[in-house]
PDB file of all heavy atoms in Angstrom:
ATOM      1  N   ARG A   1     -13.091  -9.651  10.528  1.00  0.00           N
ATOM      2  CA  ARG A   1     -11.785 -10.297  10.462  1.00  0.00           C
ATOM      3  C   ARG A   1     -10.900  -9.536   9.475  1.00  0.00           C
ATOM      4  O   ARG A   1     -11.311  -9.249   8.352  1.00  0.00           O
ATOM      5  CB  ARG A   1     -11.928 -11.748  10.009  1.00  0.00           C
ATOM      6  CG  ARG A   1     -10.609 -12.489  10.006  1.00  0.00           C
ATOM      7  CD  ARG A   1     -10.757 -13.923   9.556  1.00  0.00           C
ATOM      8  NE  ARG A   1     -10.859 -13.929   8.093  1.00  0.00           N
ATOM      9  CZ  ARG A   1     -11.680 -14.709   7.413  1.00  0.00           C
ATOM     10  NH1 ARG A   1     -12.477 -15.529   8.025  1.00  0.00           N
ATOM     11  NH2 ARG A   1     -11.708 -14.654   6.104  1.00  0.00           N
ATOM     12  N   TRP A   2      -9.679  -9.192   9.908  1.00  0.00           N
ATOM     13  CA  TRP A   2      -8.700  -8.539   9.042  1.00  0.00           C
ATOM     14  C   TRP A   2      -7.717  -9.592   8.555  1.00  0.00           C
ATOM     15  O   TRP A   2      -7.232 -10.405   9.330  1.00  0.00           O
ATOM     16  CB  TRP A   2      -7.926  -7.473   9.808  1.00  0.00           C
ATOM     17  CG  TRP A   2      -8.727  -6.273  10.150  1.00  0.00           C
ATOM     18  CD1 TRP A   2      -9.360  -6.035  11.339  1.00  0.00           C
ATOM     19  CD2 TRP A   2      -9.015  -5.161   9.324  1.00  0.00           C
ATOM     20  NE1 TRP A   2     -10.017  -4.831  11.296  1.00  0.00           N
ATOM     21  CE2 TRP A   2      -9.818  -4.266  10.056  1.00  0.00           C
ATOM     22  CE3 TRP A   2      -8.669  -4.814   8.017  1.00  0.00           C
ATOM     23  CZ2 TRP A   2     -10.272  -3.066   9.542  1.00  0.00           C
ATOM     24  CZ3 TRP A   2      -9.129  -3.611   7.505  1.00  0.00           C
ATOM     25  CH2 TRP A   2      -9.914  -2.764   8.261  1.00  0.00           C
ATOM     26  N   THR A   3      -7.409  -9.582   7.259  1.00  0.00           N
ATOM     27  CA  THR A   3      -6.442 -10.495   6.680  1.00  0.00           C
ATOM     28  C   THR A   3      -5.371  -9.683   5.957  1.00  0.00           C
ATOM     29  O   THR A   3      -5.702  -8.804   5.159  1.00  0.00           O
ATOM     30  CB  THR A   3      -7.125 -11.434   5.662  1.00  0.00           C
ATOM     31  OG1 THR A   3      -8.198 -12.110   6.303  1.00  0.00           O
ATOM     32  CG2 THR A   3      -6.147 -12.446   5.100  1.00  0.00           C
ATOM     33  N   LYS A   4      -4.115  -9.977   6.243  1.00  0.00           N
ATOM     34  CA  LYS A   4      -3.023  -9.295   5.550  1.00  0.00           C
ATOM     35  C   LYS A   4      -2.943  -9.840   4.129  1.00  0.00           C
ATOM     36  O   LYS A   4      -2.870 -11.036   3.908  1.00  0.00           O
ATOM     37  CB  LYS A   4      -1.698  -9.527   6.266  1.00  0.00           C
ATOM     38  CG  LYS A   4      -0.519  -8.832   5.586  1.00  0.00           C
ATOM     39  CD  LYS A   4       0.785  -9.107   6.307  1.00  0.00           C
ATOM     40  CE  LYS A   4       1.147 -10.546   6.108  1.00  0.00           C
ATOM     41  NZ  LYS A   4       2.456 -10.936   6.536  1.00  0.00           N
ATOM     42  N   VAL A   5      -2.973  -8.938   3.148  1.00  0.00           N
ATOM     43  CA  VAL A   5      -2.912  -9.327   1.744  1.00  0.00           C
ATOM     44  C   VAL A   5      -1.512  -9.095   1.195  1.00  0.00           C
ATOM     45  O   VAL A   5      -1.003  -9.879   0.404  1.00  0.00           O
ATOM     46  CB  VAL A   5      -3.962  -8.545   0.910  1.00  0.00           C
ATOM     47  CG1 VAL A   5      -3.863  -8.879  -0.551  1.00  0.00           C
ATOM     48  CG2 VAL A   5      -5.363  -8.817   1.441  1.00  0.00           C
ATOM     49  N   GLY A   6      -0.861  -8.005   1.620  1.00  0.00           N
ATOM     50  CA  GLY A   6       0.480  -7.698   1.140  1.00  0.00           C
ATOM     51  C   GLY A   6       1.179  -6.722   2.054  1.00  0.00           C
ATOM     52  O   GLY A   6       0.545  -6.018   2.837  1.00  0.00           O
ATOM     53  N   LEU A   7       2.518  -6.700   1.952  1.00  0.00           N
ATOM     54  CA  LEU A   7       3.320  -5.811   2.782  1.00  0.00           C
ATOM     55  C   LEU A   7       4.551  -5.389   1.989  1.00  0.00           C
ATOM     56  O   LEU A   7       5.219  -6.225   1.388  1.00  0.00           O
ATOM     57  CB  LEU A   7       3.752  -6.519   4.066  1.00  0.00           C
ATOM     58  CG  LEU A   7       4.566  -5.722   5.060  1.00  0.00           C
ATOM     59  CD1 LEU A   7       3.757  -4.562   5.615  1.00  0.00           C
ATOM     60  CD2 LEU A   7       5.036  -6.617   6.183  1.00  0.00           C
ATOM     61  N   THR A   8       4.826  -4.089   1.978  1.00  0.00           N
ATOM     62  CA  THR A   8       5.994  -3.536   1.299  1.00  0.00           C
ATOM     63  C   THR A   8       6.727  -2.625   2.267  1.00  0.00           C
ATOM     64  O   THR A   8       6.096  -1.832   2.963  1.00  0.00           O
ATOM     65  CB  THR A   8       5.571  -2.712   0.059  1.00  0.00           C
ATOM     66  OG1 THR A   8       4.798  -3.538  -0.795  1.00  0.00           O
ATOM     67  CG2 THR A   8       6.766  -2.192  -0.694  1.00  0.00           C
ATOM     68  N   VAL A   9       8.074  -2.733   2.317  1.00  0.00           N
ATOM     69  CA  VAL A   9       8.889  -1.890   3.189  1.00  0.00           C
ATOM     70  C   VAL A   9       9.961  -1.214   2.339  1.00  0.00           C
ATOM     71  O   VAL A   9      10.604  -1.861   1.510  1.00  0.00           O
ATOM     72  CB  VAL A   9       9.550  -2.720   4.316  1.00  0.00           C
ATOM     73  CG1 VAL A   9      10.482  -1.855   5.151  1.00  0.00           C
ATOM     74  CG2 VAL A   9       8.487  -3.368   5.181  1.00  0.00           C
ATOM     75  N   ASN A  10      10.151   0.093   2.537  1.00  0.00           N
ATOM     76  CA  ASN A  10      11.165   0.867   1.830  1.00  0.00           C
ATOM     77  C   ASN A  10      12.031   1.614   2.826  1.00  0.00           C
ATOM     78  O   ASN A  10      11.522   2.185   3.783  1.00  0.00           O
ATOM     79  CB  ASN A  10      10.510   1.883   0.886  1.00  0.00           C
ATOM     80  CG  ASN A  10       9.714   1.225  -0.201  1.00  0.00           C
ATOM     81  OD1 ASN A  10      10.242   0.406  -0.939  1.00  0.00           O
ATOM     82  ND2 ASN A  10       8.450   1.546  -0.287  1.00  0.00           N
ATOM     83  N   ASP A  11      13.342   1.613   2.587  1.00  0.00           N
ATOM     84  CA  ASP A  11      14.296   2.376   3.402  1.00  0.00           C
ATOM     85  C   ASP A  11      14.947   3.398   2.481  1.00  0.00           C
ATOM     86  O   ASP A  11      15.788   3.058   1.655  1.00  0.00           O
ATOM     87  CB  ASP A  11      15.342   1.440   3.996  1.00  0.00           C
ATOM     88  CG  ASP A  11      16.284   2.144   4.950  1.00  0.00           C
ATOM     89  OD1 ASP A  11      16.296   3.389   4.987  1.00  0.00           O
ATOM     90  OD2 ASP A  11      17.021   1.447   5.659  1.00  0.00           O
ATOM     91  N   THR A  12      14.526   4.663   2.598  1.00  0.00           N
ATOM     92  CA  THR A  12      15.029   5.723   1.743  1.00  0.00           C
ATOM     93  C   THR A  12      15.650   6.814   2.598  1.00  0.00           C
ATOM     94  O   THR A  12      14.962   7.407   3.430  1.00  0.00           O
ATOM     95  CB  THR A  12      13.879   6.320   0.895  1.00  0.00           C
ATOM     96  OG1 THR A  12      13.223   5.265   0.206  1.00  0.00           O
ATOM     97  CG2 THR A  12      14.407   7.332  -0.092  1.00  0.00           C
ATOM     98  N   ASN A  13      16.940   7.048   2.416  1.00  0.00           N
ATOM     99  CA  ASN A  13      17.656   8.096   3.160  1.00  0.00           C
ATOM    100  C   ASN A  13      17.457   7.968   4.663  1.00  0.00           C
ATOM    101  O   ASN A  13      17.254   8.966   5.361  1.00  0.00           O
ATOM    102  CB  ASN A  13      17.231   9.486   2.681  1.00  0.00           C
ATOM    103  CG  ASN A  13      17.595   9.737   1.234  1.00  0.00           C
ATOM    104  OD1 ASN A  13      18.614   9.247   0.774  1.00  0.00           O
ATOM    105  ND2 ASN A  13      16.770  10.465   0.531  1.00  0.00           N
ATOM    106  N   GLY A  14      17.451   6.750   5.186  1.00  0.00           N
ATOM    107  CA  GLY A  14      17.318   6.521   6.621  1.00  0.00           C
ATOM    108  C   GLY A  14      15.904   6.545   7.144  1.00  0.00           C
ATOM    109  O   GLY A  14      15.663   6.288   8.312  1.00  0.00           O
ATOM    110  N   GLY A  15      14.931   6.847   6.297  1.00  0.00           N
ATOM    111  CA  GLY A  15      13.529   6.837   6.719  1.00  0.00           C
ATOM    112  C   GLY A  15      12.864   5.544   6.277  1.00  0.00           C
ATOM    113  O   GLY A  15      12.825   5.229   5.092  1.00  0.00           O
ATOM    114  N   VAL A  16      12.401   4.757   7.220  1.00  0.00           N
ATOM    115  CA  VAL A  16      11.786   3.470   6.897  1.00  0.00           C
ATOM    116  C   VAL A  16      10.274   3.636   6.885  1.00  0.00           C
ATOM    117  O   VAL A  16       9.675   4.065   7.866  1.00  0.00           O
ATOM    118  CB  VAL A  16      12.211   2.379   7.903  1.00  0.00           C
ATOM    119  CG1 VAL A  16      11.597   1.046   7.540  1.00  0.00           C
ATOM    120  CG2 VAL A  16      13.725   2.262   7.972  1.00  0.00           C
ATOM    121  N   ARG A  17       9.673   3.318   5.741  1.00  0.00           N
ATOM    122  CA  ARG A  17       8.217   3.406   5.574  1.00  0.00           C
ATOM    123  C   ARG A  17       7.728   2.121   4.937  1.00  0.00           C
ATOM    124  O   ARG A  17       8.490   1.393   4.313  1.00  0.00           O
ATOM    125  CB  ARG A  17       7.834   4.581   4.682  1.00  0.00           C
ATOM    126  CG  ARG A  17       8.082   5.924   5.311  1.00  0.00           C
ATOM    127  CD  ARG A  17       7.587   7.037   4.413  1.00  0.00           C
ATOM    128  NE  ARG A  17       7.687   8.317   5.078  1.00  0.00           N
ATOM    129  CZ  ARG A  17       6.685   8.911   5.710  1.00  0.00           C
ATOM    130  NH1 ARG A  17       5.503   8.350   5.745  1.00  0.00           N
ATOM    131  NH2 ARG A  17       6.856  10.072   6.303  1.00  0.00           N
ATOM    132  N   GLY A  18       6.461   1.893   5.069  1.00  0.00           N
ATOM    133  CA  GLY A  18       5.893   0.701   4.458  1.00  0.00           C
ATOM    134  C   GLY A  18       4.423   0.892   4.155  1.00  0.00           C
ATOM    135  O   GLY A  18       3.799   1.873   4.582  1.00  0.00           O
ATOM    136  N   THR A  19       3.889  -0.039   3.401  1.00  0.00           N
ATOM    137  CA  THR A  19       2.454  -0.088   3.160  1.00  0.00           C
ATOM    138  C   THR A  19       1.976  -1.507   3.441  1.00  0.00           C
ATOM    139  O   THR A  19       2.667  -2.476   3.124  1.00  0.00           O
ATOM    140  CB  THR A  19       2.078   0.297   1.710  1.00  0.00           C
ATOM    141  OG1 THR A  19       2.763  -0.571   0.802  1.00  0.00           O
ATOM    142  CG2 THR A  19       2.409   1.732   1.404  1.00  0.00           C
ATOM    143  N   ALA A  20       0.825  -1.596   4.059  1.00  0.00           N
ATOM    144  CA  ALA A  20       0.196  -2.883   4.320  1.00  0.00           C
ATOM    145  C   ALA A  20      -1.167  -2.880   3.634  1.00  0.00           C
ATOM    146  O   ALA A  20      -1.950  -1.943   3.810  1.00  0.00           O
ATOM    147  CB  ALA A  20       0.025  -3.107   5.819  1.00  0.00           C
ATOM    148  N   THR A  21      -1.409  -3.887   2.833  1.00  0.00           N
ATOM    149  CA  THR A  21      -2.712  -4.053   2.205  1.00  0.00           C
ATOM    150  C   THR A  21      -3.466  -5.094   3.023  1.00  0.00           C
ATOM    151  O   THR A  21      -2.968  -6.205   3.236  1.00  0.00           O
ATOM    152  CB  THR A  21      -2.573  -4.509   0.746  1.00  0.00           C
ATOM    153  OG1 THR A  21      -1.747  -3.583   0.051  1.00  0.00           O
ATOM    154  CG2 THR A  21      -3.925  -4.586   0.061  1.00  0.00           C
ATOM    155  N   VAL A  22      -4.641  -4.730   3.520  1.00  0.00           N
ATOM    156  CA  VAL A  22      -5.435  -5.626   4.366  1.00  0.00           C
ATOM    157  C   VAL A  22      -6.861  -5.728   3.819  1.00  0.00           C
ATOM    158  O   VAL A  22      -7.358  -4.819   3.174  1.00  0.00           O
ATOM    159  CB  VAL A  22      -5.469  -5.140   5.835  1.00  0.00           C
ATOM    160  CG1 VAL A  22      -4.084  -5.192   6.455  1.00  0.00           C
ATOM    161  CG2 VAL A  22      -6.028  -3.740   5.940  1.00  0.00           C
ATOM    162  N   ARG A  23      -7.477  -6.869   4.082  1.00  0.00           N
ATOM    163  CA  ARG A  23      -8.855  -7.087   3.664  1.00  0.00           C
ATOM    164  C   ARG A  23      -9.721  -7.307   4.907  1.00  0.00           C
ATOM    165  O   ARG A  23      -9.414  -8.137   5.747  1.00  0.00           O
ATOM    166  CB  ARG A  23      -8.960  -8.300   2.755  1.00  0.00           C
ATOM    167  CG  ARG A  23     -10.389  -8.554   2.266  1.00  0.00           C
ATOM    168  CD  ARG A  23     -10.487  -9.741   1.317  1.00  0.00           C
ATOM    169  NE  ARG A  23      -9.632  -9.533   0.163  1.00  0.00           N
ATOM    170  CZ  ARG A  23      -8.660 -10.370  -0.207  1.00  0.00           C
ATOM    171  NH1 ARG A  23      -8.406 -11.449   0.483  1.00  0.00           N
ATOM    172  NH2 ARG A  23      -7.933 -10.122  -1.278  1.00  0.00           N
ATOM    173  N   LEU A  24     -10.798  -6.543   5.019  1.00  0.00           N
ATOM    174  CA  LEU A  24     -11.761  -6.686   6.105  1.00  0.00           C
ATOM    175  C   LEU A  24     -12.924  -7.527   5.595  1.00  0.00           C
ATOM    176  O   LEU A  24     -13.504  -7.232   4.551  1.00  0.00           O
ATOM    177  CB  LEU A  24     -12.280  -5.315   6.542  1.00  0.00           C
ATOM    178  CG  LEU A  24     -13.467  -5.313   7.500  1.00  0.00           C
ATOM    179  CD1 LEU A  24     -13.071  -5.923   8.841  1.00  0.00           C
ATOM    180  CD2 LEU A  24     -14.011  -3.920   7.682  1.00  0.00           C
ATOM    181  N   THR A  25     -13.244  -8.592   6.333  1.00  0.00           N
ATOM    182  CA  THR A  25     -14.391  -9.427   6.002  1.00  0.00           C
ATOM    183  C   THR A  25     -15.372  -9.357   7.166  1.00  0.00           C
ATOM    184  O   THR A  25     -15.005  -9.615   8.311  1.00  0.00           O
ATOM    185  CB  THR A  25     -13.965 -10.891   5.774  1.00  0.00           C
ATOM    186  OG1 THR A  25     -12.943 -10.917   4.782  1.00  0.00           O
ATOM    187  CG2 THR A  25     -15.139 -11.742   5.324  1.00  0.00           C
ATOM    188  N   THR A  26     -16.627  -8.997   6.879  1.00  0.00           N
ATOM    189  CA  THR A  26     -17.649  -8.909   7.919  1.00  0.00           C
ATOM    190  C   THR A  26     -18.345 -10.253   8.070  1.00  0.00           C
ATOM    191  O   THR A  26     -18.202 -11.148   7.227  1.00  0.00           O
ATOM    192  CB  THR A  26     -18.695  -7.832   7.581  1.00  0.00           C
ATOM    193  OG1 THR A  26     -19.408  -8.239   6.409  1.00  0.00           O
ATOM    194  CG2 THR A  26     -18.050  -6.476   7.359  1.00  0.00           C
ATOM    195  N   GLU A  27     -19.121 -10.395   9.126  1.00  0.00           N
ATOM    196  CA  GLU A  27     -19.821 -11.660   9.366  1.00  0.00           C
ATOM    197  C   GLU A  27     -20.856 -11.973   8.290  1.00  0.00           C
ATOM    198  O   GLU A  27     -21.233 -13.118   8.106  1.00  0.00           O
ATOM    199  CB  GLU A  27     -20.460 -11.673  10.749  1.00  0.00           C
ATOM    200  CG  GLU A  27     -21.549 -10.643  10.941  1.00  0.00           C
ATOM    201  CD  GLU A  27     -22.076 -10.617  12.355  1.00  0.00           C
ATOM    202  OE1 GLU A  27     -21.427 -11.129  13.272  1.00  0.00           O
ATOM    203  OE2 GLU A  27     -23.161 -10.064  12.537  1.00  0.00           O
ATOM    204  N   THR A  28     -21.301 -10.948   7.562  1.00  0.00           N
ATOM    205  CA  THR A  28     -22.273 -11.182   6.486  1.00  0.00           C
ATOM    206  C   THR A  28     -21.596 -11.503   5.154  1.00  0.00           C
ATOM    207  O   THR A  28     -22.260 -11.700   4.150  1.00  0.00           O
ATOM    208  CB  THR A  28     -23.178  -9.948   6.289  1.00  0.00           C
ATOM    209  OG1 THR A  28     -22.362  -8.818   5.957  1.00  0.00           O
ATOM    210  CG2 THR A  28     -23.996  -9.674   7.546  1.00  0.00           C
ATOM    211  N   GLY A  29     -20.244 -11.544   5.149  1.00  0.00           N
ATOM    212  CA  GLY A  29     -19.509 -11.905   3.947  1.00  0.00           C
ATOM    213  C   GLY A  29     -19.049 -10.725   3.111  1.00  0.00           C
ATOM    214  O   GLY A  29     -18.397 -10.907   2.094  1.00  0.00           O
ATOM    215  N   GLY A  30     -19.368  -9.505   3.524  1.00  0.00           N
ATOM    216  CA  GLY A  30     -18.903  -8.323   2.804  1.00  0.00           C
ATOM    217  C   GLY A  30     -17.405  -8.163   2.952  1.00  0.00           C
ATOM    218  O   GLY A  30     -16.834  -8.504   3.977  1.00  0.00           O
ATOM    219  N   GLU A  31     -16.752  -7.671   1.903  1.00  0.00           N
ATOM    220  CA  GLU A  31     -15.306  -7.472   1.948  1.00  0.00           C
ATOM    221  C   GLU A  31     -14.943  -6.056   1.528  1.00  0.00           C
ATOM    222  O   GLU A  31     -15.611  -5.457   0.688  1.00  0.00           O
ATOM    223  CB  GLU A  31     -14.587  -8.455   1.014  1.00  0.00           C
ATOM    224  CG  GLU A  31     -14.630  -9.879   1.487  1.00  0.00           C
ATOM    225  CD  GLU A  31     -13.788 -10.781   0.612  1.00  0.00           C
ATOM    226  OE1 GLU A  31     -13.374 -10.383  -0.498  1.00  0.00           O
ATOM    227  OE2 GLU A  31     -13.531 -11.914   1.061  1.00  0.00           O
ATOM    228  N   SER A  32     -13.864  -5.562   2.136  1.00  0.00           N
ATOM    229  CA  SER A  32     -13.346  -4.242   1.808  1.00  0.00           C
ATOM    230  C   SER A  32     -11.828  -4.312   1.927  1.00  0.00           C
ATOM    231  O   SER A  32     -11.305  -4.846   2.901  1.00  0.00           O
ATOM    232  CB  SER A  32     -13.905  -3.205   2.781  1.00  0.00           C
ATOM    233  OG  SER A  32     -13.360  -1.942   2.525  1.00  0.00           O
ATOM    234  N   THR A  33     -11.106  -3.808   0.921  1.00  0.00           N
ATOM    235  CA  THR A  33      -9.647  -3.817   0.940  1.00  0.00           C
ATOM    236  C   THR A  33      -9.142  -2.405   1.205  1.00  0.00           C
ATOM    237  O   THR A  33      -9.653  -1.441   0.645  1.00  0.00           O
ATOM    238  CB  THR A  33      -9.094  -4.344  -0.396  1.00  0.00           C
ATOM    239  OG1 THR A  33      -9.600  -5.670  -0.610  1.00  0.00           O
ATOM    240  CG2 THR A  33      -7.581  -4.394  -0.387  1.00  0.00           C
ATOM    241  N   ARG A  34      -8.136  -2.296   2.062  1.00  0.00           N
ATOM    242  CA  ARG A  34      -7.557  -1.005   2.427  1.00  0.00           C
ATOM    243  C   ARG A  34      -6.037  -1.076   2.309  1.00  0.00           C
ATOM    244  O   ARG A  34      -5.437  -2.112   2.584  1.00  0.00           O
ATOM    245  CB  ARG A  34      -7.896  -0.630   3.876  1.00  0.00           C
ATOM    246  CG  ARG A  34      -9.360  -0.477   4.164  1.00  0.00           C
ATOM    247  CD  ARG A  34      -9.852   0.866   3.654  1.00  0.00           C
ATOM    248  NE  ARG A  34     -11.214   1.109   4.078  1.00  0.00           N
ATOM    249  CZ  ARG A  34     -12.259   1.040   3.288  1.00  0.00           C
ATOM    250  NH1 ARG A  34     -12.114   0.721   2.036  1.00  0.00           N
ATOM    251  NH2 ARG A  34     -13.464   1.298   3.731  1.00  0.00           N
ATOM    252  N   VAL A  35      -5.424   0.051   1.936  1.00  0.00           N
ATOM    253  CA  VAL A  35      -3.969   0.170   1.931  1.00  0.00           C
ATOM    254  C   VAL A  35      -3.603   1.159   3.036  1.00  0.00           C
ATOM    255  O   VAL A  35      -4.057   2.302   3.035  1.00  0.00           O
ATOM    256  CB  VAL A  35      -3.447   0.667   0.561  1.00  0.00           C
ATOM    257  CG1 VAL A  35      -1.941   0.856   0.615  1.00  0.00           C
ATOM    258  CG2 VAL A  35      -3.829  -0.316  -0.544  1.00  0.00           C
ATOM    259  N   LEU A  36      -2.805   0.703   3.996  1.00  0.00           N
ATOM    260  CA  LEU A  36      -2.404   1.515   5.137  1.00  0.00           C
ATOM    261  C   LEU A  36      -0.934   1.910   4.985  1.00  0.00           C
ATOM    262  O   LEU A  36      -0.086   1.066   4.684  1.00  0.00           O
ATOM    263  CB  LEU A  36      -2.577   0.724   6.441  1.00  0.00           C
ATOM    264  CG  LEU A  36      -3.970   0.131   6.686  1.00  0.00           C
ATOM    265  CD1 LEU A  36      -3.950  -0.754   7.921  1.00  0.00           C
ATOM    266  CD2 LEU A  36      -4.993   1.227   6.823  1.00  0.00           C
ATOM    267  N   THR A  37      -0.628   3.185   5.181  1.00  0.00           N
ATOM    268  CA  THR A  37       0.742   3.668   5.137  1.00  0.00           C
ATOM    269  C   THR A  37       1.323   3.616   6.543  1.00  0.00           C
ATOM    270  O   THR A  37       0.697   4.076   7.498  1.00  0.00           O
ATOM    271  CB  THR A  37       0.799   5.105   4.588  1.00  0.00           C
ATOM    272  OG1 THR A  37       0.200   5.113   3.294  1.00  0.00           O
ATOM    273  CG2 THR A  37       2.225   5.602   4.478  1.00  0.00           C
ATOM    274  N   LEU A  38       2.525   3.045   6.662  1.00  0.00           N
ATOM    275  CA  LEU A  38       3.167   2.859   7.956  1.00  0.00           C
ATOM    276  C   LEU A  38       4.517   3.562   7.974  1.00  0.00           C
ATOM    277  O   LEU A  38       5.163   3.714   6.936  1.00  0.00           O
ATOM    278  CB  LEU A  38       3.390   1.366   8.228  1.00  0.00           C
ATOM    279  CG  LEU A  38       2.163   0.474   8.091  1.00  0.00           C
ATOM    280  CD1 LEU A  38       2.591  -0.985   8.061  1.00  0.00           C
ATOM    281  CD2 LEU A  38       1.206   0.726   9.230  1.00  0.00           C
ATOM    282  N   VAL A  39       4.949   3.976   9.148  1.00  0.00           N
ATOM    283  CA  VAL A  39       6.270   4.564   9.340  1.00  0.00           C
ATOM    284  C   VAL A  39       6.893   3.913  10.579  1.00  0.00           C
ATOM    285  O   VAL A  39       6.189   3.608  11.546  1.00  0.00           O
ATOM    286  CB  VAL A  39       6.194   6.107   9.479  1.00  0.00           C
ATOM    287  CG1 VAL A  39       5.400   6.527  10.694  1.00  0.00           C
ATOM    288  CG2 VAL A  39       7.572   6.721   9.486  1.00  0.00           C
ATOM    289  N   LYS A  40       8.201   3.671  10.527  1.00  0.00           N
ATOM    290  CA  LYS A  40       8.888   3.068  11.672  1.00  0.00           C
ATOM    291  C   LYS A  40       9.540   4.178  12.483  1.00  0.00           C
ATOM    292  O   LYS A  40      10.401   4.910  11.987  1.00  0.00           O
ATOM    293  CB  LYS A  40       9.932   2.060  11.211  1.00  0.00           C
ATOM    294  CG  LYS A  40      10.429   1.176  12.320  1.00  0.00           C
ATOM    295  CD  LYS A  40      11.203   0.011  11.770  1.00  0.00           C
ATOM    296  CE  LYS A  40      11.520  -0.963  12.875  1.00  0.00           C
ATOM    297  NZ  LYS A  40      12.277  -2.117  12.358  1.00  0.00           N
ATOM    298  N   GLU A  41       9.116   4.318  13.735  1.00  0.00           N
ATOM    299  CA  GLU A  41       9.630   5.337  14.651  1.00  0.00           C
ATOM    300  C   GLU A  41      10.021   4.678  15.965  1.00  0.00           C
ATOM    301  O   GLU A  41       9.233   3.931  16.540  1.00  0.00           O
ATOM    302  CB  GLU A  41       8.561   6.404  14.930  1.00  0.00           C
ATOM    303  CG  GLU A  41       8.162   7.208  13.725  1.00  0.00           C
ATOM    304  CD  GLU A  41       7.042   8.199  14.040  1.00  0.00           C
ATOM    305  OE1 GLU A  41       6.366   8.024  15.079  1.00  0.00           O
ATOM    306  OE2 GLU A  41       6.833   9.119  13.241  1.00  0.00           O
ATOM    307  N   ASP A  42      11.227   4.963  16.407  1.00  0.00           N
ATOM    308  CA  ASP A  42      11.729   4.407  17.689  1.00  0.00           C
ATOM    309  C   ASP A  42      11.572   2.905  17.754  1.00  0.00           C
ATOM    310  O   ASP A  42      11.233   2.332  18.791  1.00  0.00           O
ATOM    311  CB  ASP A  42      11.012   5.064  18.874  1.00  0.00           C
ATOM    312  CG  ASP A  42      11.222   6.574  18.925  1.00  0.00           C
ATOM    313  OD1 ASP A  42      12.347   7.020  18.583  1.00  0.00           O
ATOM    314  OD2 ASP A  42      10.278   7.294  19.269  1.00  0.00           O
TER     315      ASP A  42
END
């Protein structure tokens, strides 16, 4: 299961980028947090 922990969006010089922090929880209860870099295109 993925859970959104946080989201940040920046608009710099017409380029829109963001970061999403997500937490993965496995069926055995293990957790892992990841930060994903995003870009808005079209």
